[in-house]
Amino acid sequence: MSPEELWYRYSAIWSAPAERRGGELMACLADDATYCDPNGLVEGREALSGYMGGFQESAPGCTFRINSVAHHNGRSLSNWQMLGPDGSALQDGTSFGELSDDGRLRAITGFFFG
C-alpha cells in the first residue's frame, strides 16, 4: 500500500473495535513496531492495541483525519486532526514514521498540538 493508504488505514485503527484491531495492526505495523508519544513508549502490536483501547475509553467516539502525508527514503510524516464525535476538530498533531523493508510502520512518534 502507498504511504498515504498506510496512514489512512493506521489512523482508522485508533477508533476500531478491539476485535478488529489485531488484524489491522498486523497489516500496518512491522513485527518489532514501537509507538511513542508524550505519554510514553509502547512496544509491540499487542501493547499498542491496549493503548488504543485506553484512548477509546478516554475519548469515546473520537476519530482521526489525515490531512497530509510526506514520504521519502523509508520515512514518512503524517499531519492529522483528532475529531470529536460531532466531527469538530479537537486537536492537531503530526506523526513521524519509519518504515520497514516491507512498507509497514516500524517506529511511530506522535506529536500533539493545541
Protein backbone atom coordinates (compact mmCIF):
# COMPACT_ATOMS: atom_id res chain seq x y z
CA MET A 1 0.00 0.00 0.00
CA SER A 2 1.12 3.56 -0.56
CA PRO A 3 2.31 5.69 2.40
CA GLU A 4 -0.93 7.65 2.19
CA GLU A 5 -3.04 4.48 2.29
CA LEU A 6 -0.93 3.18 5.18
CA TRP A 7 -1.52 6.30 7.29
CA TYR A 8 -5.26 6.35 6.49
CA ARG A 9 -5.58 2.71 7.45
CA TYR A 10 -3.42 3.07 10.56
CA SER A 11 -5.33 6.15 11.79
CA ALA A 12 -8.64 4.27 11.47
CA ILE A 13 -7.37 1.60 13.88
CA TRP A 14 -7.47 4.15 16.72
CA SER A 15 -11.29 4.05 16.61
CA ALA A 16 -11.70 0.39 15.57
CA PRO A 17 -13.30 -2.13 17.93
CA ALA A 18 -10.93 -4.43 19.84
CA GLU A 19 -11.79 -7.49 17.75
CA ARG A 20 -10.69 -5.71 14.57
CA ARG A 21 -7.53 -4.01 15.86
CA GLY A 22 -5.24 -7.06 15.85
CA GLY A 23 -5.57 -7.84 12.15
CA GLU A 24 -5.34 -4.20 11.15
CA LEU A 25 -2.25 -3.65 13.31
CA MET A 26 -0.63 -6.70 11.73
CA ALA A 27 -1.30 -5.26 8.27
CA CYS A 28 0.08 -1.80 9.16
CA LEU A 29 2.88 -2.44 11.68
CA ALA A 30 6.14 -4.37 11.47
CA ASP A 31 6.68 -7.23 13.92
CA ASP A 32 9.08 -5.12 16.02
CA ALA A 33 6.97 -1.94 15.92
CA THR A 34 7.19 0.78 18.56
CA TYR A 35 4.94 3.75 19.25
CA CYS A 36 5.99 6.82 21.21
CA ASP A 37 4.06 9.95 22.16
CA PRO A 38 4.26 12.43 25.06
CA ASN A 39 2.63 9.82 27.32
CA GLY A 40 5.41 7.25 26.84
CA LEU A 41 6.78 4.42 24.73
CA VAL A 42 4.77 1.35 23.71
CA GLU A 43 6.50 -1.71 22.25
CA GLY A 44 4.70 -4.27 20.09
CA ARG A 45 1.32 -4.55 18.41
CA GLU A 46 -0.46 -6.10 21.40
CA ALA A 47 0.66 -3.32 23.74
CA LEU A 48 -0.34 -0.69 21.18
CA SER A 49 -3.76 -2.29 20.80
CA GLY A 50 -4.24 -1.96 24.56
CA TYR A 51 -3.08 1.65 24.44
CA MET A 52 -5.58 2.34 21.67
CA GLY A 53 -8.31 0.77 23.80
CA GLY A 54 -7.40 3.16 26.60
CA PHE A 55 -7.60 6.06 24.17
CA GLN A 56 -11.10 4.97 23.13
CA GLU A 57 -12.20 4.87 26.77
CA SER A 58 -10.81 8.34 27.47
CA ALA A 59 -12.07 9.90 24.21
CA PRO A 60 -15.23 7.98 23.23
CA GLY A 61 -16.36 8.50 19.66
CA CYS A 62 -13.21 10.36 18.61
CA THR A 63 -11.56 9.62 15.26
CA PHE A 64 -8.55 10.86 13.32
CA ARG A 65 -8.40 12.57 9.94
CA ILE A 66 -5.19 12.55 7.94
CA ASN A 67 -4.65 15.97 6.37
CA SER A 68 -1.36 15.35 4.56
CA VAL A 69 1.41 12.78 4.15
CA ALA A 70 5.02 13.35 3.10
CA HIS A 71 7.30 10.42 2.36
CA HIS A 72 10.86 9.72 1.27
CA ASN A 73 13.63 7.19 1.86
CA GLY A 74 11.69 4.94 4.22
CA ARG A 75 10.45 7.79 6.38
CA SER A 76 7.00 9.29 6.48
CA LEU A 77 5.30 12.27 8.08
CA SER A 78 1.55 12.49 8.66
CA ASN A 79 -0.31 15.62 9.71
CA TRP A 80 -3.64 14.83 11.36
CA GLN A 81 -6.55 16.10 13.40
CA MET A 82 -8.41 14.37 16.17
CA LEU A 83 -12.12 14.83 15.63
CA GLY A 84 -14.85 14.69 18.25
CA PRO A 85 -17.98 12.56 17.85
CA ASP A 86 -19.68 15.54 16.16
CA GLY A 87 -16.83 15.92 13.64
CA SER A 88 -15.35 19.02 15.24
CA ALA A 89 -11.54 19.33 15.34
CA LEU A 90 -10.29 18.82 18.90
CA GLN A 91 -6.53 18.55 18.43
CA ASP A 92 -3.88 18.80 15.73
CA GLY A 93 -0.85 16.59 15.52
CA THR A 94 1.96 15.20 13.47
CA SER A 95 3.25 11.64 13.46
CA PHE A 96 6.63 10.58 12.16
CA GLY A 97 7.06 7.03 10.95
CA GLU A 98 9.99 4.87 9.96
CA LEU A 99 9.02 2.13 7.54
CA SER A 100 10.21 -1.46 7.49
CA ASP A 101 11.52 -3.06 4.30
CA ASP A 102 8.04 -4.41 3.55
CA GLY A 103 6.46 -0.94 3.81
CA ARG A 104 4.78 -1.30 7.19
CA LEU A 105 5.37 1.17 10.01
CA ARG A 106 8.26 0.12 12.26
CA ALA A 107 8.54 3.14 14.57
CA ILE A 108 5.90 5.84 15.08
CA THR A 109 6.41 9.03 17.06
CA GLY A 110 3.38 11.23 17.67
CA PHE A 111 3.39 14.94 18.50
CA PHE A 112 0.25 16.74 19.72
CA PHE A 113 -0.54 20.45 19.31
CA GLY A 114 -3.29 22.61 20.77
